[in-house]
Amino acid sequence: MNIVPAKGSFAREVQDHALWGRTSDLELQAIRAAYCQHGVLVFRRQALSEQELLEFGKSVGEPSLYAEQNWLSTVPEVIILSNMRSQSGEMLGGLANKALTWHTDQSYYANPVTGCFLYGVELPAEGGATRWASLYDAYETLPDELRGTIDSAVGTFSYAARSANAQKADDNHDWERRLRETPDVKHLLVNTNPATGRRALYIDPGTVTGIDGMPADEAHDVLDRLLTHVVQPQNVYEHEWRPGDLVLWDNAAVLHARDAFSNDENRFVKRMLIKLDPTKHIIPSAMH
């Protein structure tokens, strides 16, 4: 097993390792350490059942159930994302074929589940690429003035704002229930990894609506400058999917985005949310 930079980026590719086989304790330690340090791990050419996906999730942390019940597979910890439909015409899973702008998952919760992976089963020949941007690298290269502005800042994270910005056409989210269950929360905009000491930004475009103690126009300007800085090419890894690819990431350490793709082709991807060890990963907690 080798762990190398993925396309010269901050992300790491784990080579020559079959996740369906036995992972030794030494290999697992190396995988966990790389995940903790870099935030994105890529595994190519995997062939995994849902039970094997579940076992991999358990090797990383504690697999968690997703809020959208009709996106869950026969193994309930496995989530289906696709643009396909059942014989009765119902959507299989969620997110269809639309583009997804830069975001991080679950930031609108008081205690977000930050671990996540995608596993590609059927992919379109063109489109649907996913990009990740390092919030560690972005923080470490911030201009001093901007770092000083946000080092102890607290942001408001709003599911209501996120859902208002969403494309709701041809969607099967249970928006009304999610809005009732998800009040606004406040999180620090900079967090420290307890295992490595590295600091990371924590922003979520379209979800962060303001910064405590800062006028709205000033806060929006700061958030726009942060996003522009985060998504510079040197901070980004872009993944062109092939069947059997598995990409594991940490939502407290990266943003991600997805390109749209033609509805003439199928995309069927499996996803899992994983609670991570708070002694090894940043776990944002609500400010009171």
C-alpha atoms as a PDB file:
ATOM      1  CA  MET A   1       0.000   0.000   0.000  1.00  0.00           C
ATOM      2  CA  ASN A   2       1.263   3.467  -0.947  1.00  0.00           C
ATOM      3  CA  ILE A   3      -0.250   6.835  -0.027  1.00  0.00           C
ATOM      4  CA  VAL A   4       0.695   9.545  -2.537  1.00  0.00           C
ATOM      5  CA  PRO A   5      -0.533  13.032  -3.526  1.00  0.00           C
ATOM      6  CA  ALA A   6      -3.583  12.814  -5.798  1.00  0.00           C
ATOM      7  CA  LYS A   7      -2.811  14.720  -9.022  1.00  0.00           C
ATOM      8  CA  GLY A   8      -0.234  16.792  -7.122  1.00  0.00           C
ATOM      9  CA  SER A   9      -2.886  18.208  -4.773  1.00  0.00           C
ATOM     10  CA  PHE A  10      -3.446  18.267  -1.015  1.00  0.00           C
ATOM     11  CA  ALA A  11      -5.621  15.120  -1.329  1.00  0.00           C
ATOM     12  CA  ARG A  12      -4.017  11.688  -1.017  1.00  0.00           C
ATOM     13  CA  GLU A  13      -4.530   8.565  -3.130  1.00  0.00           C
ATOM     14  CA  VAL A  14      -4.254   5.203  -1.380  1.00  0.00           C
ATOM     15  CA  GLN A  15      -2.744   2.874  -3.993  1.00  0.00           C
ATOM     16  CA  ASP A  16      -2.462  -0.907  -4.147  1.00  0.00           C
ATOM     17  CA  HIS A  17      -5.001  -1.567  -1.431  1.00  0.00           C
ATOM     18  CA  ALA A  18      -8.212  -3.587  -1.777  1.00  0.00           C
ATOM     19  CA  LEU A  19     -10.836  -2.443   0.725  1.00  0.00           C
ATOM     20  CA  TRP A  20     -12.695  -5.746   0.322  1.00  0.00           C
ATOM     21  CA  GLY A  21      -9.679  -7.638   1.690  1.00  0.00           C
ATOM     22  CA  ARG A  22      -8.099  -7.614   5.108  1.00  0.00           C
ATOM     23  CA  THR A  23      -6.621  -4.287   6.198  1.00  0.00           C
ATOM     24  CA  SER A  24      -3.782  -4.795   8.675  1.00  0.00           C
ATOM     25  CA  ASP A  25      -3.550  -2.692  11.822  1.00  0.00           C
ATOM     26  CA  LEU A  26      -0.493  -0.912  10.378  1.00  0.00           C
ATOM     27  CA  GLU A  27      -2.313  -0.118   7.129  1.00  0.00           C
ATOM     28  CA  LEU A  28      -5.365   1.121   9.024  1.00  0.00           C
ATOM     29  CA  GLN A  29      -3.181   3.387  11.157  1.00  0.00           C
ATOM     30  CA  ALA A  30      -1.620   4.847   7.992  1.00  0.00           C
ATOM     31  CA  ILE A  31      -5.042   5.404   6.394  1.00  0.00           C
ATOM     32  CA  ARG A  32      -6.410   7.090   9.514  1.00  0.00           C
ATOM     33  CA  ALA A  33      -3.304   9.283   9.890  1.00  0.00           C
ATOM     34  CA  ALA A  34      -3.479  10.437   6.265  1.00  0.00           C
ATOM     35  CA  TYR A  35      -7.203  11.130   6.605  1.00  0.00           C
ATOM     36  CA  CYS A  36      -6.614  13.153   9.764  1.00  0.00           C
ATOM     37  CA  GLN A  37      -3.790  15.165   8.174  1.00  0.00           C
ATOM     38  CA  HIS A  38      -5.115  15.809   4.668  1.00  0.00           C
ATOM     39  CA  GLY A  39      -8.920  15.535   4.793  1.00  0.00           C
ATOM     40  CA  VAL A  40      -9.451  13.708   1.460  1.00  0.00           C
ATOM     41  CA  LEU A  41      -8.443  10.125   0.553  1.00  0.00           C
ATOM     42  CA  VAL A  42      -8.983   8.506  -2.866  1.00  0.00           C
ATOM     43  CA  PHE A  43      -9.275   4.732  -3.393  1.00  0.00           C
ATOM     44  CA  ARG A  44      -9.482   3.546  -7.015  1.00  0.00           C
ATOM     45  CA  ARG A  45     -10.702   0.239  -8.525  1.00  0.00           C
ATOM     46  CA  GLN A  46     -12.712  -1.001  -5.563  1.00  0.00           C
ATOM     47  CA  ALA A  47     -15.504  -3.607  -5.786  1.00  0.00           C
ATOM     48  CA  LEU A  48     -17.586  -3.338  -2.633  1.00  0.00           C
ATOM     49  CA  SER A  49     -20.933  -4.675  -1.442  1.00  0.00           C
ATOM     50  CA  GLU A  50     -23.038  -2.476   0.829  1.00  0.00           C
ATOM     51  CA  GLN A  51     -21.994  -4.612   3.789  1.00  0.00           C
ATOM     52  CA  GLU A  52     -18.346  -4.025   2.864  1.00  0.00           C
ATOM     53  CA  LEU A  53     -19.037  -0.292   2.587  1.00  0.00           C
ATOM     54  CA  LEU A  54     -20.509  -0.440   6.087  1.00  0.00           C
ATOM     55  CA  GLU A  55     -17.436  -2.263   7.410  1.00  0.00           C
ATOM     56  CA  PHE A  56     -15.157   0.340   5.843  1.00  0.00           C
ATOM     57  CA  GLY A  57     -17.220   3.099   7.469  1.00  0.00           C
ATOM     58  CA  LYS A  58     -16.836   1.371  10.830  1.00  0.00           C
ATOM     59  CA  SER A  59     -13.059   1.257  10.368  1.00  0.00           C
ATOM     60  CA  VAL A  60     -13.084   5.063  10.036  1.00  0.00           C
ATOM     61  CA  GLY A  61     -15.642   5.954  12.713  1.00  0.00           C
ATOM     62  CA  GLU A  62     -19.321   5.388  13.492  1.00  0.00           C
ATOM     63  CA  PRO A  63     -21.647   5.204  10.443  1.00  0.00           C
ATOM     64  CA  SER A  64     -24.681   7.468  10.835  1.00  0.00           C
ATOM     65  CA  LEU A  65     -28.199   7.548   9.373  1.00  0.00           C
ATOM     66  CA  TYR A  66     -29.113  10.388   7.022  1.00  0.00           C
ATOM     67  CA  ALA A  67     -32.147  12.598   7.616  1.00  0.00           C
ATOM     68  CA  GLU A  68     -33.762  11.923   4.199  1.00  0.00           C
ATOM     69  CA  GLN A  69     -35.323   8.499   4.771  1.00  0.00           C
ATOM     70  CA  ASN A  70     -36.236   7.887   1.120  1.00  0.00           C
ATOM     71  CA  TRP A  71     -32.566   8.193   0.100  1.00  0.00           C
ATOM     72  CA  LEU A  72     -31.527   5.181   2.221  1.00  0.00           C
ATOM     73  CA  SER A  73     -30.594   1.827   0.700  1.00  0.00           C
ATOM     74  CA  THR A  74     -31.262  -1.695   1.995  1.00  0.00           C
ATOM     75  CA  VAL A  75     -28.326  -1.220   4.364  1.00  0.00           C
ATOM     76  CA  PRO A  76     -29.758   1.929   5.999  1.00  0.00           C
ATOM     77  CA  GLU A  77     -26.385   3.567   6.653  1.00  0.00           C
ATOM     78  CA  VAL A  78     -25.840   3.596   2.860  1.00  0.00           C
ATOM     79  CA  ILE A  79     -27.338   6.584   1.017  1.00  0.00           C
ATOM     80  CA  ILE A  80     -28.216   6.531  -2.691  1.00  0.00           C
ATOM     81  CA  LEU A  81     -27.457   9.535  -4.931  1.00  0.00           C
ATOM     82  CA  SER A  82     -28.566   9.230  -8.545  1.00  0.00           C
ATOM     83  CA  ASN A  83     -30.549  10.628 -11.450  1.00  0.00           C
ATOM     84  CA  MET A  84     -32.260   7.268 -12.034  1.00  0.00           C
ATOM     85  CA  ARG A  85     -35.848   6.185 -11.364  1.00  0.00           C
ATOM     86  CA  SER A  86     -37.600   3.025 -10.297  1.00  0.00           C
ATOM     87  CA  GLN A  87     -40.003   1.101 -12.545  1.00  0.00           C
ATOM     88  CA  SER A  88     -42.836   3.062 -10.934  1.00  0.00           C
ATOM     89  CA  GLY A  89     -41.153   6.379 -11.843  1.00  0.00           C
ATOM     90  CA  GLU A  90     -39.966   7.319  -8.355  1.00  0.00           C
ATOM     91  CA  MET A  91     -36.544   8.913  -7.899  1.00  0.00           C
ATOM     92  CA  LEU A  92     -33.823   6.557  -6.688  1.00  0.00           C
ATOM     93  CA  GLY A  93     -32.062   8.495  -3.961  1.00  0.00           C
ATOM     94  CA  GLY A  94     -31.384  12.178  -4.352  1.00  0.00           C
ATOM     95  CA  LEU A  95     -29.577  15.092  -6.039  1.00  0.00           C
ATOM     96  CA  ALA A  96     -30.434  14.051  -9.628  1.00  0.00           C
ATOM     97  CA  ASN A  97     -28.059  15.588 -12.225  1.00  0.00           C
ATOM     98  CA  LYS A  98     -27.880  19.224 -11.143  1.00  0.00           C
ATOM     99  CA  ALA A  99     -24.691  21.118 -10.305  1.00  0.00           C
ATOM    100  CA  LEU A 100     -23.890  21.524  -6.613  1.00  0.00           C
ATOM    101  CA  THR A 101     -22.034  24.720  -5.710  1.00  0.00           C
ATOM    102  CA  TRP A 102     -19.288  24.880  -3.070  1.00  0.00           C
ATOM    103  CA  HIS A 103     -20.577  23.689   0.309  1.00  0.00           C
ATOM    104  CA  THR A 104     -19.855  21.445   3.283  1.00  0.00           C
ATOM    105  CA  ASP A 105     -22.306  18.881   4.635  1.00  0.00           C
ATOM    106  CA  GLN A 106     -24.215  19.212   7.911  1.00  0.00           C
ATOM    107  CA  SER A 107     -22.760  22.582   8.966  1.00  0.00           C
ATOM    108  CA  TYR A 108     -26.302  23.696   9.874  1.00  0.00           C
ATOM    109  CA  TYR A 109     -26.420  21.185  12.764  1.00  0.00           C
ATOM    110  CA  ALA A 110     -25.268  21.920  16.308  1.00  0.00           C
ATOM    111  CA  ASN A 111     -23.139  18.756  16.243  1.00  0.00           C
ATOM    112  CA  PRO A 112     -22.531  17.870  12.588  1.00  0.00           C
ATOM    113  CA  VAL A 113     -21.485  14.409  11.403  1.00  0.00           C
ATOM    114  CA  THR A 114     -18.354  15.362   9.461  1.00  0.00           C
ATOM    115  CA  GLY A 115     -17.043  12.110   7.941  1.00  0.00           C
ATOM    116  CA  CYS A 116     -18.325  11.152   4.498  1.00  0.00           C
ATOM    117  CA  PHE A 117     -17.503   9.014   1.489  1.00  0.00           C
ATOM    118  CA  LEU A 118     -18.863   8.508  -2.013  1.00  0.00           C
ATOM    119  CA  TYR A 119     -18.546   5.223  -3.885  1.00  0.00           C
ATOM    120  CA  GLY A 120     -19.084   5.259  -7.655  1.00  0.00           C
ATOM    121  CA  VAL A 121     -21.158   2.425  -9.141  1.00  0.00           C
ATOM    122  CA  GLU A 122     -22.328   3.814 -12.501  1.00  0.00           C
ATOM    123  CA  LEU A 123     -20.964   7.098 -13.868  1.00  0.00           C
ATOM    124  CA  PRO A 124     -21.626   9.254 -16.945  1.00  0.00           C
ATOM    125  CA  ALA A 125     -18.904   9.395 -19.608  1.00  0.00           C
ATOM    126  CA  GLU A 126     -18.768  13.183 -19.256  1.00  0.00           C
ATOM    127  CA  GLY A 127     -19.640  15.619 -16.468  1.00  0.00           C
ATOM    128  CA  GLY A 128     -20.368  15.042 -12.797  1.00  0.00           C
ATOM    129  CA  ALA A 129     -16.795  15.680 -11.618  1.00  0.00           C
ATOM    130  CA  THR A 130     -16.418  16.506  -7.911  1.00  0.00           C
ATOM    131  CA  ARG A 131     -13.962  19.048  -6.500  1.00  0.00           C
ATOM    132  CA  TRP A 132     -12.679  19.419  -2.952  1.00  0.00           C
ATOM    133  CA  ALA A 133     -10.943  22.496  -1.513  1.00  0.00           C
ATOM    134  CA  SER A 134      -8.706  22.292   1.563  1.00  0.00           C
ATOM    135  CA  LEU A 135      -9.801  24.485   4.456  1.00  0.00           C
ATOM    136  CA  TYR A 136      -6.462  23.709   6.163  1.00  0.00           C
ATOM    137  CA  ASP A 137      -4.356  24.988   3.262  1.00  0.00           C
ATOM    138  CA  ALA A 138      -6.692  27.932   2.792  1.00  0.00           C
ATOM    139  CA  TYR A 139      -6.344  29.028   6.435  1.00  0.00           C
ATOM    140  CA  GLU A 140      -2.564  28.645   6.396  1.00  0.00           C
ATOM    141  CA  THR A 141      -2.241  30.923   3.336  1.00  0.00           C
ATOM    142  CA  LEU A 142      -4.715  33.625   4.420  1.00  0.00           C
ATOM    143  CA  PRO A 143      -3.465  37.212   4.366  1.00  0.00           C
ATOM    144  CA  ASP A 144      -2.606  38.294   7.938  1.00  0.00           C
ATOM    145  CA  GLU A 145      -5.305  40.960   7.954  1.00  0.00           C
ATOM    146  CA  LEU A 146      -8.060  38.539   6.960  1.00  0.00           C
ATOM    147  CA  ARG A 147      -6.817  35.885   9.392  1.00  0.00           C
ATOM    148  CA  GLY A 148      -6.918  38.423  12.208  1.00  0.00           C
ATOM    149  CA  THR A 149     -10.510  39.293  11.313  1.00  0.00           C
ATOM    150  CA  ILE A 150     -11.836  35.733  11.520  1.00  0.00           C
ATOM    151  CA  ASP A 151      -9.565  33.951  14.014  1.00  0.00           C
ATOM    152  CA  SER A 152     -12.109  34.143  16.858  1.00  0.00           C
ATOM    153  CA  ALA A 153     -15.173  34.967  14.780  1.00  0.00           C
ATOM    154  CA  VAL A 154     -18.512  33.207  15.183  1.00  0.00           C
ATOM    155  CA  GLY A 155     -20.794  32.658  12.199  1.00  0.00           C
ATOM    156  CA  THR A 156     -24.514  31.935  11.935  1.00  0.00           C
ATOM    157  CA  PHE A 157     -25.199  28.751   9.949  1.00  0.00           C
ATOM    158  CA  SER A 158     -28.761  28.581   8.622  1.00  0.00           C
ATOM    159  CA  TYR A 159     -30.521  25.585   7.068  1.00  0.00           C
ATOM    160  CA  ALA A 160     -33.370  27.963   6.179  1.00  0.00           C
ATOM    161  CA  ALA A 161     -30.966  30.047   4.070  1.00  0.00           C
ATOM    162  CA  ARG A 162     -29.453  26.934   2.511  1.00  0.00           C
ATOM    163  CA  SER A 163     -32.858  25.517   1.557  1.00  0.00           C
ATOM    164  CA  ALA A 164     -34.014  28.887   0.191  1.00  0.00           C
ATOM    165  CA  ASN A 165     -31.039  28.847  -2.211  1.00  0.00           C
ATOM    166  CA  ALA A 166     -31.630  25.241  -3.305  1.00  0.00           C
ATOM    167  CA  GLN A 167     -33.008  24.177  -6.669  1.00  0.00           C
ATOM    168  CA  LYS A 168     -36.229  22.488  -5.577  1.00  0.00           C
ATOM    169  CA  ALA A 169     -37.499  21.456  -8.987  1.00  0.00           C
ATOM    170  CA  ASP A 170     -37.477  17.671  -9.491  1.00  0.00           C
ATOM    171  CA  ASP A 171     -36.302  17.132  -5.915  1.00  0.00           C
ATOM    172  CA  ASN A 172     -37.406  14.728  -3.201  1.00  0.00           C
ATOM    173  CA  HIS A 173     -36.117  16.464  -0.069  1.00  0.00           C
ATOM    174  CA  ASP A 174     -38.584  16.669   2.808  1.00  0.00           C
ATOM    175  CA  TRP A 175     -37.993  20.404   3.073  1.00  0.00           C
ATOM    176  CA  GLU A 176     -40.809  21.218   5.513  1.00  0.00           C
ATOM    177  CA  ARG A 177     -39.780  18.617   8.093  1.00  0.00           C
ATOM    178  CA  ARG A 178     -36.094  19.498   7.799  1.00  0.00           C
ATOM    179  CA  LEU A 179     -36.840  23.202   8.330  1.00  0.00           C
ATOM    180  CA  ARG A 180     -38.889  22.451  11.451  1.00  0.00           C
ATOM    181  CA  GLU A 181     -36.101  20.298  12.896  1.00  0.00           C
ATOM    182  CA  THR A 182     -33.123  22.519  11.997  1.00  0.00           C
ATOM    183  CA  PRO A 183     -32.952  25.943  13.674  1.00  0.00           C
ATOM    184  CA  ASP A 184     -30.037  28.282  13.001  1.00  0.00           C
ATOM    185  CA  VAL A 185     -26.794  27.477  14.860  1.00  0.00           C
ATOM    186  CA  LYS A 186     -23.541  29.308  15.546  1.00  0.00           C
ATOM    187  CA  HIS A 187     -20.064  27.876  14.925  1.00  0.00           C
ATOM    188  CA  LEU A 188     -16.539  29.243  15.087  1.00  0.00           C
ATOM    189  CA  LEU A 189     -15.178  30.134  11.655  1.00  0.00           C
ATOM    190  CA  VAL A 190     -11.753  28.722  12.586  1.00  0.00           C
ATOM    191  CA  ASN A 191     -11.155  25.421  14.405  1.00  0.00           C
ATOM    192  CA  THR A 192      -8.058  23.507  15.520  1.00  0.00           C
ATOM    193  CA  ASN A 193      -7.458  19.799  14.907  1.00  0.00           C
ATOM    194  CA  PRO A 194      -6.760  18.337  18.379  1.00  0.00           C
ATOM    195  CA  ALA A 195      -4.424  15.657  16.983  1.00  0.00           C
ATOM    196  CA  THR A 196      -2.273  17.744  14.626  1.00  0.00           C
ATOM    197  CA  GLY A 197      -2.703  21.320  15.834  1.00  0.00           C
ATOM    198  CA  ARG A 198      -3.521  22.443  12.289  1.00  0.00           C
ATOM    199  CA  ARG A 199      -6.137  25.169  12.026  1.00  0.00           C
ATOM    200  CA  ALA A 200      -8.874  25.144   9.417  1.00  0.00           C
ATOM    201  CA  LEU A 201     -11.491  27.569   8.204  1.00  0.00           C
ATOM    202  CA  TYR A 202     -15.105  26.512   8.666  1.00  0.00           C
ATOM    203  CA  ILE A 203     -17.330  28.233   6.141  1.00  0.00           C
ATOM    204  CA  ASP A 204     -20.287  27.067   4.082  1.00  0.00           C
ATOM    205  CA  PRO A 205     -21.349  29.376   1.230  1.00  0.00           C
ATOM    206  CA  GLY A 206     -25.113  29.805   1.096  1.00  0.00           C
ATOM    207  CA  THR A 207     -25.459  28.583   4.695  1.00  0.00           C
ATOM    208  CA  VAL A 208     -23.425  31.125   6.696  1.00  0.00           C
ATOM    209  CA  THR A 209     -25.641  34.191   6.878  1.00  0.00           C
ATOM    210  CA  GLY A 210     -23.632  36.486   9.138  1.00  0.00           C
ATOM    211  CA  ILE A 211     -20.754  36.983  11.562  1.00  0.00           C
ATOM    212  CA  ASP A 212     -21.417  37.975  15.173  1.00  0.00           C
ATOM    213  CA  GLY A 213     -20.681  41.630  15.932  1.00  0.00           C
ATOM    214  CA  MET A 214     -20.115  42.560  12.284  1.00  0.00           C
ATOM    215  CA  PRO A 215     -22.442  44.627  10.061  1.00  0.00           C
ATOM    216  CA  ALA A 216     -24.141  42.516   7.405  1.00  0.00           C
ATOM    217  CA  ASP A 217     -22.446  44.128   4.396  1.00  0.00           C
ATOM    218  CA  GLU A 218     -19.015  43.791   6.002  1.00  0.00           C
ATOM    219  CA  ALA A 219     -19.690  40.155   6.935  1.00  0.00           C
ATOM    220  CA  HIS A 220     -20.802  39.312   3.393  1.00  0.00           C
ATOM    221  CA  ASP A 221     -17.626  40.921   2.025  1.00  0.00           C
ATOM    222  CA  VAL A 222     -15.451  38.892   4.415  1.00  0.00           C
ATOM    223  CA  LEU A 223     -17.266  35.653   3.528  1.00  0.00           C
ATOM    224  CA  ASP A 224     -16.917  36.368  -0.205  1.00  0.00           C
ATOM    225  CA  ARG A 225     -13.184  37.027   0.213  1.00  0.00           C
ATOM    226  CA  LEU A 226     -12.781  33.796   2.186  1.00  0.00           C
ATOM    227  CA  LEU A 227     -14.543  31.713  -0.479  1.00  0.00           C
ATOM    228  CA  THR A 228     -12.487  33.277  -3.277  1.00  0.00           C
ATOM    229  CA  HIS A 229      -9.325  32.431  -1.339  1.00  0.00           C
ATOM    230  CA  VAL A 230     -10.416  28.868  -0.487  1.00  0.00           C
ATOM    231  CA  VAL A 231     -11.227  27.787  -4.057  1.00  0.00           C
ATOM    232  CA  GLN A 232      -7.988  28.939  -5.684  1.00  0.00           C
ATOM    233  CA  PRO A 233      -6.572  26.151  -7.890  1.00  0.00           C
ATOM    234  CA  GLN A 234      -3.666  25.413  -5.556  1.00  0.00           C
ATOM    235  CA  ASN A 235      -6.154  24.496  -2.797  1.00  0.00           C
ATOM    236  CA  VAL A 236      -8.372  22.249  -4.965  1.00  0.00           C
ATOM    237  CA  TYR A 237      -8.432  18.564  -5.961  1.00  0.00           C
ATOM    238  CA  GLU A 238     -10.739  17.637  -8.874  1.00  0.00           C
ATOM    239  CA  HIS A 239     -11.893  14.038  -9.203  1.00  0.00           C
ATOM    240  CA  GLU A 240     -12.993  12.556 -12.524  1.00  0.00           C
ATOM    241  CA  TRP A 241     -15.074   9.562 -11.466  1.00  0.00           C
ATOM    242  CA  ARG A 242     -14.632   5.995 -12.677  1.00  0.00           C
ATOM    243  CA  PRO A 243     -16.674   2.980 -11.514  1.00  0.00           C
ATOM    244  CA  GLY A 244     -15.210   1.564  -8.315  1.00  0.00           C
ATOM    245  CA  ASP A 245     -13.788   4.872  -7.056  1.00  0.00           C
ATOM    246  CA  LEU A 246     -14.267   5.629  -3.370  1.00  0.00           C
ATOM    247  CA  VAL A 247     -13.452   9.104  -2.032  1.00  0.00           C
ATOM    248  CA  LEU A 248     -13.431   9.707   1.720  1.00  0.00           C
ATOM    249  CA  TRP A 249     -13.442  13.259   3.079  1.00  0.00           C
ATOM    250  CA  ASP A 250     -13.784  15.292   6.255  1.00  0.00           C
ATOM    251  CA  ASN A 251     -16.471  17.991   6.069  1.00  0.00           C
ATOM    252  CA  ALA A 252     -14.773  20.059   8.781  1.00  0.00           C
ATOM    253  CA  ALA A 253     -11.604  20.269   6.664  1.00  0.00           C
ATOM    254  CA  VAL A 254     -12.817  20.717   3.061  1.00  0.00           C
ATOM    255  CA  LEU A 255     -15.508  22.252   0.884  1.00  0.00           C
ATOM    256  CA  HIS A 256     -16.801  20.310  -2.101  1.00  0.00           C
ATOM    257  CA  ALA A 257     -18.751  20.972  -5.300  1.00  0.00           C
ATOM    258  CA  ARG A 258     -20.139  18.888  -8.167  1.00  0.00           C
ATOM    259  CA  ASP A 259     -20.543  19.588 -11.875  1.00  0.00           C
ATOM    260  CA  ALA A 260     -23.849  18.974 -13.597  1.00  0.00           C
ATOM    261  CA  PHE A 261     -24.133  16.140 -16.115  1.00  0.00           C
ATOM    262  CA  SER A 262     -26.496  15.108 -18.907  1.00  0.00           C
ATOM    263  CA  ASN A 263     -29.685  13.361 -17.853  1.00  0.00           C
ATOM    264  CA  ASP A 264     -29.218  11.138 -20.898  1.00  0.00           C
ATOM    265  CA  GLU A 265     -26.650   9.149 -18.902  1.00  0.00           C
ATOM    266  CA  ASN A 266     -27.006   7.348 -15.587  1.00  0.00           C
ATOM    267  CA  ARG A 267     -25.149   8.217 -12.404  1.00  0.00           C
ATOM    268  CA  PHE A 268     -25.516   5.919  -9.405  1.00  0.00           C
ATOM    269  CA  VAL A 269     -23.329   6.661  -6.379  1.00  0.00           C
ATOM    270  CA  LYS A 270     -23.430   5.378  -2.805  1.00  0.00           C
ATOM    271  CA  ARG A 271     -22.676   7.647   0.141  1.00  0.00           C
ATOM    272  CA  MET A 272     -22.143   7.272   3.868  1.00  0.00           C
ATOM    273  CA  LEU A 273     -21.986   9.708   6.777  1.00  0.00           C
ATOM    274  CA  ILE A 274     -19.553   8.822   9.569  1.00  0.00           C
ATOM    275  CA  LYS A 275     -19.145  10.239  13.067  1.00  0.00           C
ATOM    276  CA  LEU A 276     -15.426  10.807  13.574  1.00  0.00           C
ATOM    277  CA  ASP A 277     -13.217  10.552  16.675  1.00  0.00           C
ATOM    278  CA  PRO A 278     -13.201  14.041  18.292  1.00  0.00           C
ATOM    279  CA  THR A 279      -9.645  13.445  19.569  1.00  0.00           C
ATOM    280  CA  LYS A 280      -8.380  13.049  15.979  1.00  0.00           C
ATOM    281  CA  HIS A 281     -10.646  15.317  13.908  1.00  0.00           C
ATOM    282  CA  ILE A 282     -12.245  18.728  14.139  1.00  0.00           C
ATOM    283  CA  ILE A 283     -15.862  18.328  15.266  1.00  0.00           C
ATOM    284  CA  PRO A 284     -17.505  21.784  15.195  1.00  0.00           C
ATOM    285  CA  SER A 285     -19.800  22.347  18.160  1.00  0.00           C
ATOM    286  CA  ALA A 286     -22.503  24.971  18.521  1.00  0.00           C
ATOM    287  CA  MET A 287     -21.627  28.204  20.319  1.00  0.00           C
ATOM    288  CA  HIS A 288     -24.077  29.347  22.968  1.00  0.00           C
END
